[in-house]
Amino acid sequence: MNDNLIAQIQSFTLNARAAMETETGRQLEGIYGWLPDGKFADQARYPAVNQLPEAAETRKRIETYADEEKAAGIAAKDARIKLVRETAFTWLNRLVALRMMEDRRIIKSTVGKLDKSNSFIFWLTSDGNDEMYALHQKGALPQNAKGEGPSYEAYRKFLLWQCNQLAKDVSILFDPENLSSRLFPRPPVLKQIVESMNQENLVDAWKIGNEETIGWVYQAFNAEELQAAFTAARLSKKKFEAKDIPSVTQLFTLRWVVRFLVENTLGRLWVDNASG
């Protein structure tokens, strides 16, 4: 993987993170009434929460999340920031992982062509999905109080179904029952991110042989926190704070570095034992 491709992955990741965090913040405030200052507005003012059972359940889950974070000593405003970041991280990594699995033929086309993806079409016409097929056939309008049209709602439920299938092996990333799964990016933002992934300068990033892409995405996503932690430590001339430890220690390690370390530690022990 050359430096130019790595730079393109990093640029994509930072832009996608910004878009996802903005989208999540807007959902929390505009759909569910969790304001940027950490306070909850009267849910009677929010049509989605009153009209859609799914949205009403999400509001309850968000309130429970805020209460649990408060019990752990995290202020409501900070808990909201944490959820925004977690949601952006979750969905960005899911989309990247799905795109890479497509190119490796582990799964059929799922996100690369959005609702024109083969896997979605097969799912719609599978036994037991008559309701989703009918929903999709209604088209993109009218949109509900969450900003979803019927066809997009069907596609969202398909992606969550796909996540559920993959969660059997990778539960941490693909768990469809976590709160971030309920803050699914709405049509314009999902389209923006997928179109960015499909740009010519990123095509090679998803191909077989470039498995390090997922590591560079992780590294770029945490770049802001990493830089902030080092800046704060340098200015204060103190050690890193506890909250900074993940950002400064959980770094992506290149394959050749891993190979060097393994061959000169475990590998050396194995050679020594074999020769002895």
C-alpha atoms as a PDB file:
ATOM      1  CA  MET A   1       0.000   0.000   0.000  1.00  0.00           C
ATOM      2  CA  ASN A   2       1.597   3.275  -1.111  1.00  0.00           C
ATOM      3  CA  ASP A   3       1.636   6.593   0.731  1.00  0.00           C
ATOM      4  CA  ASN A   4      -0.826   8.219  -1.678  1.00  0.00           C
ATOM      5  CA  LEU A   5      -3.489   5.570  -1.029  1.00  0.00           C
ATOM      6  CA  ILE A   6      -2.933   5.829   2.724  1.00  0.00           C
ATOM      7  CA  ALA A   7      -3.415   9.599   2.476  1.00  0.00           C
ATOM      8  CA  GLN A   8      -6.661   9.076   0.525  1.00  0.00           C
ATOM      9  CA  ILE A   9      -7.943   6.643   3.177  1.00  0.00           C
ATOM     10  CA  GLN A  10      -7.115   9.105   5.934  1.00  0.00           C
ATOM     11  CA  SER A  11      -8.849  11.983   4.118  1.00  0.00           C
ATOM     12  CA  PHE A  12     -11.930   9.849   3.476  1.00  0.00           C
ATOM     13  CA  THR A  13     -12.052   8.746   7.110  1.00  0.00           C
ATOM     14  CA  LEU A  14     -11.842  12.254   8.558  1.00  0.00           C
ATOM     15  CA  ASN A  15     -14.537  13.545   6.191  1.00  0.00           C
ATOM     16  CA  ALA A  16     -16.782  10.548   6.864  1.00  0.00           C
ATOM     17  CA  ARG A  17     -16.309  10.910  10.608  1.00  0.00           C
ATOM     18  CA  ALA A  18     -17.302  14.584  10.464  1.00  0.00           C
ATOM     19  CA  ALA A  19     -20.382  13.777   8.373  1.00  0.00           C
ATOM     20  CA  MET A  20     -21.437  10.914  10.661  1.00  0.00           C
ATOM     21  CA  GLU A  21     -20.951  12.901  13.857  1.00  0.00           C
ATOM     22  CA  THR A  22     -22.964  15.811  12.452  1.00  0.00           C
ATOM     23  CA  GLU A  23     -25.701  13.424  11.358  1.00  0.00           C
ATOM     24  CA  THR A  24     -25.841  11.675  14.726  1.00  0.00           C
ATOM     25  CA  GLY A  25     -25.953  14.979  16.604  1.00  0.00           C
ATOM     26  CA  ARG A  26     -28.795  16.196  14.422  1.00  0.00           C
ATOM     27  CA  GLN A  27     -30.755  13.013  15.022  1.00  0.00           C
ATOM     28  CA  LEU A  28     -30.284  13.204  18.772  1.00  0.00           C
ATOM     29  CA  GLU A  29     -31.441  16.818  18.842  1.00  0.00           C
ATOM     30  CA  GLY A  30     -33.976  16.990  16.022  1.00  0.00           C
ATOM     31  CA  ILE A  31     -35.651  13.581  16.285  1.00  0.00           C
ATOM     32  CA  TYR A  32     -35.194  12.464  19.892  1.00  0.00           C
ATOM     33  CA  GLY A  33     -34.827  15.707  21.823  1.00  0.00           C
ATOM     34  CA  TRP A  34     -31.433  15.165  23.456  1.00  0.00           C
ATOM     35  CA  LEU A  35     -29.967  18.641  23.274  1.00  0.00           C
ATOM     36  CA  PRO A  36     -26.244  19.501  22.939  1.00  0.00           C
ATOM     37  CA  ASP A  37     -26.127  20.726  26.554  1.00  0.00           C
ATOM     38  CA  GLY A  38     -27.142  17.247  27.721  1.00  0.00           C
ATOM     39  CA  LYS A  39     -30.711  18.129  28.667  1.00  0.00           C
ATOM     40  CA  PHE A  40     -33.757  16.301  27.344  1.00  0.00           C
ATOM     41  CA  ALA A  41     -36.515  18.375  25.767  1.00  0.00           C
ATOM     42  CA  ASP A  42     -40.173  17.484  26.248  1.00  0.00           C
ATOM     43  CA  GLN A  43     -40.762  14.521  23.950  1.00  0.00           C
ATOM     44  CA  ALA A  44     -44.253  15.790  23.157  1.00  0.00           C
ATOM     45  CA  ARG A  45     -42.548  18.286  20.831  1.00  0.00           C
ATOM     46  CA  TYR A  46     -41.037  15.588  18.642  1.00  0.00           C
ATOM     47  CA  PRO A  47     -43.320  14.052  15.985  1.00  0.00           C
ATOM     48  CA  ALA A  48     -41.205  10.933  15.385  1.00  0.00           C
ATOM     49  CA  VAL A  49     -41.229   9.950  19.056  1.00  0.00           C
ATOM     50  CA  ASN A  50     -45.009  10.326  19.150  1.00  0.00           C
ATOM     51  CA  GLN A  51     -45.825   8.789  15.785  1.00  0.00           C
ATOM     52  CA  LEU A  52     -43.327   5.932  15.428  1.00  0.00           C
ATOM     53  CA  PRO A  53     -43.043   3.166  18.066  1.00  0.00           C
ATOM     54  CA  GLU A  54     -39.457   2.501  16.979  1.00  0.00           C
ATOM     55  CA  ALA A  55     -38.498   6.135  17.603  1.00  0.00           C
ATOM     56  CA  ALA A  56     -40.283   6.124  20.962  1.00  0.00           C
ATOM     57  CA  GLU A  57     -38.244   3.076  22.000  1.00  0.00           C
ATOM     58  CA  THR A  58     -35.049   4.775  20.846  1.00  0.00           C
ATOM     59  CA  ARG A  59     -35.818   7.832  22.987  1.00  0.00           C
ATOM     60  CA  LYS A  60     -36.214   5.521  26.008  1.00  0.00           C
ATOM     61  CA  ARG A  61     -32.944   3.791  25.192  1.00  0.00           C
ATOM     62  CA  ILE A  62     -31.163   7.145  24.939  1.00  0.00           C
ATOM     63  CA  GLU A  63     -32.535   8.236  28.321  1.00  0.00           C
ATOM     64  CA  THR A  64     -31.406   4.943  29.856  1.00  0.00           C
ATOM     65  CA  TYR A  65     -27.972   5.415  28.318  1.00  0.00           C
ATOM     66  CA  ALA A  66     -27.704   8.906  29.817  1.00  0.00           C
ATOM     67  CA  ASP A  67     -28.725   7.582  33.234  1.00  0.00           C
ATOM     68  CA  GLU A  68     -26.162   4.774  33.089  1.00  0.00           C
ATOM     69  CA  GLU A  69     -23.401   7.184  32.088  1.00  0.00           C
ATOM     70  CA  LYS A  70     -24.399   9.532  34.913  1.00  0.00           C
ATOM     71  CA  ALA A  71     -24.171   6.647  37.377  1.00  0.00           C
ATOM     72  CA  ALA A  72     -20.655   6.024  36.045  1.00  0.00           C
ATOM     73  CA  GLY A  73     -19.721   9.634  36.774  1.00  0.00           C
ATOM     74  CA  ILE A  74     -20.064  11.016  33.238  1.00  0.00           C
ATOM     75  CA  ALA A  75     -21.982  14.269  32.826  1.00  0.00           C
ATOM     76  CA  ALA A  76     -24.916  14.282  30.419  1.00  0.00           C
ATOM     77  CA  LYS A  77     -23.209  16.626  27.962  1.00  0.00           C
ATOM     78  CA  ASP A  78     -20.097  14.443  27.860  1.00  0.00           C
ATOM     79  CA  ALA A  79     -22.203  11.288  27.565  1.00  0.00           C
ATOM     80  CA  ARG A  80     -23.883  12.769  24.511  1.00  0.00           C
ATOM     81  CA  ILE A  81     -20.511  13.556  22.932  1.00  0.00           C
ATOM     82  CA  LYS A  82     -19.400  10.001  23.683  1.00  0.00           C
ATOM     83  CA  LEU A  83     -22.471   8.508  22.018  1.00  0.00           C
ATOM     84  CA  VAL A  84     -22.023  10.693  18.937  1.00  0.00           C
ATOM     85  CA  ARG A  85     -18.424   9.490  18.577  1.00  0.00           C
ATOM     86  CA  GLU A  86     -19.288   5.846  19.229  1.00  0.00           C
ATOM     87  CA  THR A  87     -22.049   5.939  16.636  1.00  0.00           C
ATOM     88  CA  ALA A  88     -19.837   7.530  13.989  1.00  0.00           C
ATOM     89  CA  PHE A  89     -17.081   4.999  14.748  1.00  0.00           C
ATOM     90  CA  THR A  90     -19.485   2.048  14.627  1.00  0.00           C
ATOM     91  CA  TRP A  91     -21.184   2.891  11.359  1.00  0.00           C
ATOM     92  CA  LEU A  92     -18.045   4.009   9.554  1.00  0.00           C
ATOM     93  CA  ASN A  93     -16.247   0.789  10.457  1.00  0.00           C
ATOM     94  CA  ARG A  94     -19.291  -1.282   9.535  1.00  0.00           C
ATOM     95  CA  LEU A  95     -19.530   0.312   6.102  1.00  0.00           C
ATOM     96  CA  VAL A  96     -15.802  -0.122   5.480  1.00  0.00           C
ATOM     97  CA  ALA A  97     -15.897  -3.753   6.642  1.00  0.00           C
ATOM     98  CA  LEU A  98     -18.931  -4.514   4.464  1.00  0.00           C
ATOM     99  CA  ARG A  99     -17.279  -2.895   1.454  1.00  0.00           C
ATOM    100  CA  MET A 100     -14.101  -4.938   1.969  1.00  0.00           C
ATOM    101  CA  MET A 101     -16.090  -8.165   2.394  1.00  0.00           C
ATOM    102  CA  GLU A 102     -17.877  -7.432  -0.875  1.00  0.00           C
ATOM    103  CA  ASP A 103     -14.597  -7.246  -2.773  1.00  0.00           C
ATOM    104  CA  ARG A 104     -13.471 -10.517  -1.166  1.00  0.00           C
ATOM    105  CA  ARG A 105     -16.784 -12.178  -2.080  1.00  0.00           C
ATOM    106  CA  ILE A 106     -17.443 -13.039   1.538  1.00  0.00           C
ATOM    107  CA  ILE A 107     -20.841 -11.408   1.070  1.00  0.00           C
ATOM    108  CA  LYS A 108     -22.760 -10.304  -2.014  1.00  0.00           C
ATOM    109  CA  SER A 109     -22.920  -6.614  -2.926  1.00  0.00           C
ATOM    110  CA  THR A 110     -24.480  -4.937   0.115  1.00  0.00           C
ATOM    111  CA  VAL A 111     -23.452  -1.286   0.392  1.00  0.00           C
ATOM    112  CA  GLY A 112     -21.426  -0.575  -2.737  1.00  0.00           C
ATOM    113  CA  LYS A 113     -24.586   0.066  -4.771  1.00  0.00           C
ATOM    114  CA  LEU A 114     -26.866   0.970  -1.866  1.00  0.00           C
ATOM    115  CA  ASP A 115     -30.444  -0.170  -2.561  1.00  0.00           C
ATOM    116  CA  LYS A 116     -29.392  -1.492  -5.985  1.00  0.00           C
ATOM    117  CA  SER A 117     -27.037  -3.971  -4.332  1.00  0.00           C
ATOM    118  CA  ASN A 118     -27.580  -7.616  -5.273  1.00  0.00           C
ATOM    119  CA  SER A 119     -27.788  -8.854  -1.711  1.00  0.00           C
ATOM    120  CA  PHE A 120     -30.598  -6.415  -0.915  1.00  0.00           C
ATOM    121  CA  ILE A 121     -32.582  -7.477  -3.997  1.00  0.00           C
ATOM    122  CA  PHE A 122     -32.195 -11.178  -3.112  1.00  0.00           C
ATOM    123  CA  TRP A 123     -33.243 -10.427   0.476  1.00  0.00           C
ATOM    124  CA  LEU A 124     -36.369  -8.563  -0.631  1.00  0.00           C
ATOM    125  CA  THR A 125     -37.529 -11.508  -2.714  1.00  0.00           C
ATOM    126  CA  SER A 126     -36.717 -14.171  -0.126  1.00  0.00           C
ATOM    127  CA  ASP A 127     -39.469 -16.123   1.589  1.00  0.00           C
ATOM    128  CA  GLY A 128     -40.905 -14.276   4.569  1.00  0.00           C
ATOM    129  CA  ASN A 129     -39.918 -10.792   3.387  1.00  0.00           C
ATOM    130  CA  ASP A 130     -43.177  -9.929   1.641  1.00  0.00           C
ATOM    131  CA  GLU A 131     -43.749  -6.962   3.954  1.00  0.00           C
ATOM    132  CA  MET A 132     -40.310  -5.503   3.210  1.00  0.00           C
ATOM    133  CA  TYR A 133     -40.791  -6.059  -0.534  1.00  0.00           C
ATOM    134  CA  ALA A 134     -44.116  -4.214  -0.435  1.00  0.00           C
ATOM    135  CA  LEU A 135     -42.514  -1.413   1.583  1.00  0.00           C
ATOM    136  CA  HIS A 136     -39.702  -1.053  -0.927  1.00  0.00           C
ATOM    137  CA  GLN A 137     -42.153  -0.965  -3.838  1.00  0.00           C
ATOM    138  CA  LYS A 138     -43.781   2.173  -2.407  1.00  0.00           C
ATOM    139  CA  GLY A 139     -40.686   4.159  -3.354  1.00  0.00           C
ATOM    140  CA  ALA A 140     -38.805   6.993  -1.660  1.00  0.00           C
ATOM    141  CA  LEU A 141     -41.839   9.083  -0.719  1.00  0.00           C
ATOM    142  CA  PRO A 142     -43.516  10.076   1.481  1.00  0.00           C
ATOM    143  CA  GLN A 143     -40.884  10.412   4.160  1.00  0.00           C
ATOM    144  CA  ASN A 144     -41.851   9.742   7.760  1.00  0.00           C
ATOM    145  CA  ALA A 145     -41.035  11.915  10.767  1.00  0.00           C
ATOM    146  CA  LYS A 146     -37.512  10.442  10.898  1.00  0.00           C
ATOM    147  CA  GLY A 147     -36.776  11.499   7.316  1.00  0.00           C
ATOM    148  CA  GLU A 148     -37.082   7.991   5.865  1.00  0.00           C
ATOM    149  CA  GLY A 149     -39.090   7.002   2.814  1.00  0.00           C
ATOM    150  CA  PRO A 150     -40.573   3.479   2.547  1.00  0.00           C
ATOM    151  CA  SER A 151     -37.840   2.086   0.260  1.00  0.00           C
ATOM    152  CA  TYR A 152     -35.062   3.457   2.482  1.00  0.00           C
ATOM    153  CA  GLU A 153     -36.703   2.003   5.584  1.00  0.00           C
ATOM    154  CA  ALA A 154     -36.622  -1.398   3.887  1.00  0.00           C
ATOM    155  CA  TYR A 155     -32.937  -0.967   3.008  1.00  0.00           C
ATOM    156  CA  ARG A 156     -32.100   0.095   6.579  1.00  0.00           C
ATOM    157  CA  LYS A 157     -33.774  -3.011   7.948  1.00  0.00           C
ATOM    158  CA  PHE A 158     -31.877  -5.121   5.430  1.00  0.00           C
ATOM    159  CA  LEU A 159     -28.519  -3.691   6.543  1.00  0.00           C
ATOM    160  CA  LEU A 160     -29.413  -4.369  10.166  1.00  0.00           C
ATOM    161  CA  TRP A 161     -30.377  -7.912   9.173  1.00  0.00           C
ATOM    162  CA  GLN A 162     -26.965  -8.270   7.485  1.00  0.00           C
ATOM    163  CA  CYS A 163     -25.297  -6.941  10.628  1.00  0.00           C
ATOM    164  CA  ASN A 164     -27.180  -9.527  12.644  1.00  0.00           C
ATOM    165  CA  GLN A 165     -25.836 -12.304  10.406  1.00  0.00           C
ATOM    166  CA  LEU A 166     -22.273 -11.065  10.810  1.00  0.00           C
ATOM    167  CA  ALA A 167     -22.696 -10.481  14.541  1.00  0.00           C
ATOM    168  CA  LYS A 168     -22.666 -14.248  15.008  1.00  0.00           C
ATOM    169  CA  ASP A 169     -18.920 -14.054  14.338  1.00  0.00           C
ATOM    170  CA  VAL A 170     -18.051 -10.396  15.093  1.00  0.00           C
ATOM    171  CA  SER A 171     -20.566  -9.309  17.715  1.00  0.00           C
ATOM    172  CA  ILE A 172     -18.742  -6.209  18.958  1.00  0.00           C
ATOM    173  CA  LEU A 173     -18.824  -4.414  15.597  1.00  0.00           C
ATOM    174  CA  PHE A 174     -22.048  -5.699  14.089  1.00  0.00           C
ATOM    175  CA  ASP A 175     -24.391  -5.993  17.086  1.00  0.00           C
ATOM    176  CA  PRO A 176     -27.723  -4.744  15.645  1.00  0.00           C
ATOM    177  CA  GLU A 177     -29.237  -4.287  19.084  1.00  0.00           C
ATOM    178  CA  ASN A 178     -26.894  -1.608  20.404  1.00  0.00           C
ATOM    179  CA  LEU A 179     -27.915   2.033  20.628  1.00  0.00           C
ATOM    180  CA  SER A 180     -25.700   3.114  17.732  1.00  0.00           C
ATOM    181  CA  SER A 181     -27.641   0.774  15.436  1.00  0.00           C
ATOM    182  CA  ARG A 182     -30.762   2.816  16.147  1.00  0.00           C
ATOM    183  CA  LEU A 183     -29.005   5.989  15.025  1.00  0.00           C
ATOM    184  CA  PHE A 184     -28.689   4.772  11.445  1.00  0.00           C
ATOM    185  CA  PRO A 185     -27.435   7.457   9.017  1.00  0.00           C
ATOM    186  CA  ARG A 186     -30.294   8.933   6.995  1.00  0.00           C
ATOM    187  CA  PRO A 187     -30.385   8.756   3.172  1.00  0.00           C
ATOM    188  CA  PRO A 188     -28.340  11.860   2.210  1.00  0.00           C
ATOM    189  CA  VAL A 189     -25.468  11.060   4.579  1.00  0.00           C
ATOM    190  CA  LEU A 190     -25.350   7.347   3.785  1.00  0.00           C
ATOM    191  CA  LYS A 191     -25.323   8.167   0.077  1.00  0.00           C
ATOM    192  CA  GLN A 192     -22.546  10.736   0.604  1.00  0.00           C
ATOM    193  CA  ILE A 193     -20.313   8.243   2.406  1.00  0.00           C
ATOM    194  CA  VAL A 194     -20.907   5.389  -0.028  1.00  0.00           C
ATOM    195  CA  GLU A 195     -20.255   7.644  -3.020  1.00  0.00           C
ATOM    196  CA  SER A 196     -17.009   8.729  -1.374  1.00  0.00           C
ATOM    197  CA  MET A 197     -16.022   5.087  -0.929  1.00  0.00           C
ATOM    198  CA  ASN A 198     -16.693   4.459  -4.620  1.00  0.00           C
ATOM    199  CA  GLN A 199     -14.452   7.268  -5.890  1.00  0.00           C
ATOM    200  CA  GLU A 200     -11.676   6.192  -8.251  1.00  0.00           C
ATOM    201  CA  ASN A 201      -8.907   7.201  -5.835  1.00  0.00           C
ATOM    202  CA  LEU A 202     -10.217   4.757  -3.213  1.00  0.00           C
ATOM    203  CA  VAL A 203     -11.102   1.745  -5.365  1.00  0.00           C
ATOM    204  CA  ASP A 204      -7.843  -0.051  -4.514  1.00  0.00           C
ATOM    205  CA  ALA A 205      -8.331   0.468  -0.775  1.00  0.00           C
ATOM    206  CA  TRP A 206     -11.028  -2.187  -0.576  1.00  0.00           C
ATOM    207  CA  LYS A 207      -9.335  -4.811  -2.757  1.00  0.00           C
ATOM    208  CA  ILE A 208      -7.736  -8.079  -1.714  1.00  0.00           C
ATOM    209  CA  GLY A 209      -4.182  -7.463  -0.589  1.00  0.00           C
ATOM    210  CA  ASN A 210      -4.992  -4.181   1.111  1.00  0.00           C
ATOM    211  CA  GLU A 211      -6.237  -5.647   4.390  1.00  0.00           C
ATOM    212  CA  GLU A 212      -4.381  -2.854   6.212  1.00  0.00           C
ATOM    213  CA  THR A 213      -7.089  -0.420   5.057  1.00  0.00           C
ATOM    214  CA  ILE A 214      -9.203  -1.134   8.130  1.00  0.00           C
ATOM    215  CA  GLY A 215      -6.201  -0.312  10.325  1.00  0.00           C
ATOM    216  CA  TRP A 216      -5.571   2.998   8.565  1.00  0.00           C
ATOM    217  CA  VAL A 217      -9.246   3.896   8.967  1.00  0.00           C
ATOM    218  CA  TYR A 218      -8.954   3.220  12.684  1.00  0.00           C
ATOM    219  CA  GLN A 219      -5.759   5.283  12.921  1.00  0.00           C
ATOM    220  CA  ALA A 220      -7.238   8.237  11.033  1.00  0.00           C
ATOM    221  CA  PHE A 221     -10.471   8.172  13.040  1.00  0.00           C
ATOM    222  CA  ASN A 222      -8.491   8.586  16.266  1.00  0.00           C
ATOM    223  CA  ALA A 223      -6.069  11.179  14.870  1.00  0.00           C
ATOM    224  CA  GLU A 224      -7.787  14.185  16.482  1.00  0.00           C
ATOM    225  CA  GLU A 225      -7.819  12.631  19.950  1.00  0.00           C
ATOM    226  CA  LEU A 226      -4.217  11.485  19.551  1.00  0.00           C
ATOM    227  CA  GLN A 227      -3.026  14.958  18.584  1.00  0.00           C
ATOM    228  CA  ALA A 228      -5.043  16.601  21.363  1.00  0.00           C
ATOM    229  CA  ALA A 229      -3.623  14.221  23.975  1.00  0.00           C
ATOM    230  CA  PHE A 230      -0.012  14.866  22.967  1.00  0.00           C
ATOM    231  CA  THR A 231      -0.599  18.626  22.799  1.00  0.00           C
ATOM    232  CA  ALA A 232      -2.172  18.692  26.256  1.00  0.00           C
ATOM    233  CA  ALA A 233       0.629  16.589  27.737  1.00  0.00           C
ATOM    234  CA  ARG A 234       3.295  18.789  26.173  1.00  0.00           C
ATOM    235  CA  LEU A 235       1.716  22.033  27.380  1.00  0.00           C
ATOM    236  CA  SER A 236       1.046  20.768  30.895  1.00  0.00           C
ATOM    237  CA  LYS A 237       4.347  18.866  31.085  1.00  0.00           C
ATOM    238  CA  LYS A 238       2.459  16.064  32.781  1.00  0.00           C
ATOM    239  CA  LYS A 239       1.677  12.459  31.993  1.00  0.00           C
ATOM    240  CA  PHE A 240      -1.354  11.576  29.888  1.00  0.00           C
ATOM    241  CA  GLU A 241      -4.697  11.594  31.664  1.00  0.00           C
ATOM    242  CA  ALA A 242      -6.596   8.329  32.048  1.00  0.00           C
ATOM    243  CA  LYS A 243      -9.100   9.321  29.360  1.00  0.00           C
ATOM    244  CA  ASP A 244      -6.237   9.770  26.864  1.00  0.00           C
ATOM    245  CA  ILE A 245      -4.705   6.312  27.293  1.00  0.00           C
ATOM    246  CA  PRO A 246      -6.783   4.603  24.543  1.00  0.00           C
ATOM    247  CA  SER A 247      -5.929   7.315  22.008  1.00  0.00           C
ATOM    248  CA  VAL A 248      -2.165   7.192  22.626  1.00  0.00           C
ATOM    249  CA  THR A 249      -1.746   3.441  23.041  1.00  0.00           C
ATOM    250  CA  GLN A 250      -4.254   1.795  20.686  1.00  0.00           C
ATOM    251  CA  LEU A 251      -2.344   2.508  17.495  1.00  0.00           C
ATOM    252  CA  PHE A 252      -2.412   0.642  14.206  1.00  0.00           C
ATOM    253  CA  THR A 253       0.689  -1.504  13.762  1.00  0.00           C
ATOM    254  CA  LEU A 254       1.928  -2.171  10.239  1.00  0.00           C
ATOM    255  CA  ARG A 255       2.106  -5.782   9.091  1.00  0.00           C
ATOM    256  CA  TRP A 256       5.881  -5.746   8.617  1.00  0.00           C
ATOM    257  CA  VAL A 257       6.329  -4.446  12.178  1.00  0.00           C
ATOM    258  CA  VAL A 258       4.127  -7.224  13.554  1.00  0.00           C
ATOM    259  CA  ARG A 259       6.062  -9.795  11.530  1.00  0.00           C
ATOM    260  CA  PHE A 260       9.392  -8.420  12.755  1.00  0.00           C
ATOM    261  CA  LEU A 261       8.259  -8.537  16.397  1.00  0.00           C
ATOM    262  CA  VAL A 262       6.838 -12.045  16.137  1.00  0.00           C
ATOM    263  CA  GLU A 263       9.828 -13.456  14.284  1.00  0.00           C
ATOM    264  CA  ASN A 264      12.267 -11.958  16.778  1.00  0.00           C
ATOM    265  CA  THR A 265      10.371 -13.011  19.914  1.00  0.00           C
ATOM    266  CA  LEU A 266       8.149 -16.076  19.562  1.00  0.00           C
ATOM    267  CA  GLY A 267       9.924 -17.051  16.367  1.00  0.00           C
ATOM    268  CA  ARG A 268      13.320 -16.892  18.046  1.00  0.00           C
ATOM    269  CA  LEU A 269      12.091 -18.967  20.969  1.00  0.00           C
ATOM    270  CA  TRP A 270      10.674 -21.564  18.598  1.00  0.00           C
ATOM    271  CA  VAL A 271      13.976 -21.794  16.667  1.00  0.00           C
ATOM    272  CA  ASP A 272      15.974 -22.051  19.889  1.00  0.00           C
ATOM    273  CA  ASN A 273      13.704 -24.785  21.283  1.00  0.00           C
ATOM    274  CA  ALA A 274      13.717 -26.687  18.001  1.00  0.00           C
ATOM    275  CA  SER A 275      17.499 -26.592  17.770  1.00  0.00           C
ATOM    276  CA  GLY A 276      17.887 -27.576  21.410  1.00  0.00           C
END
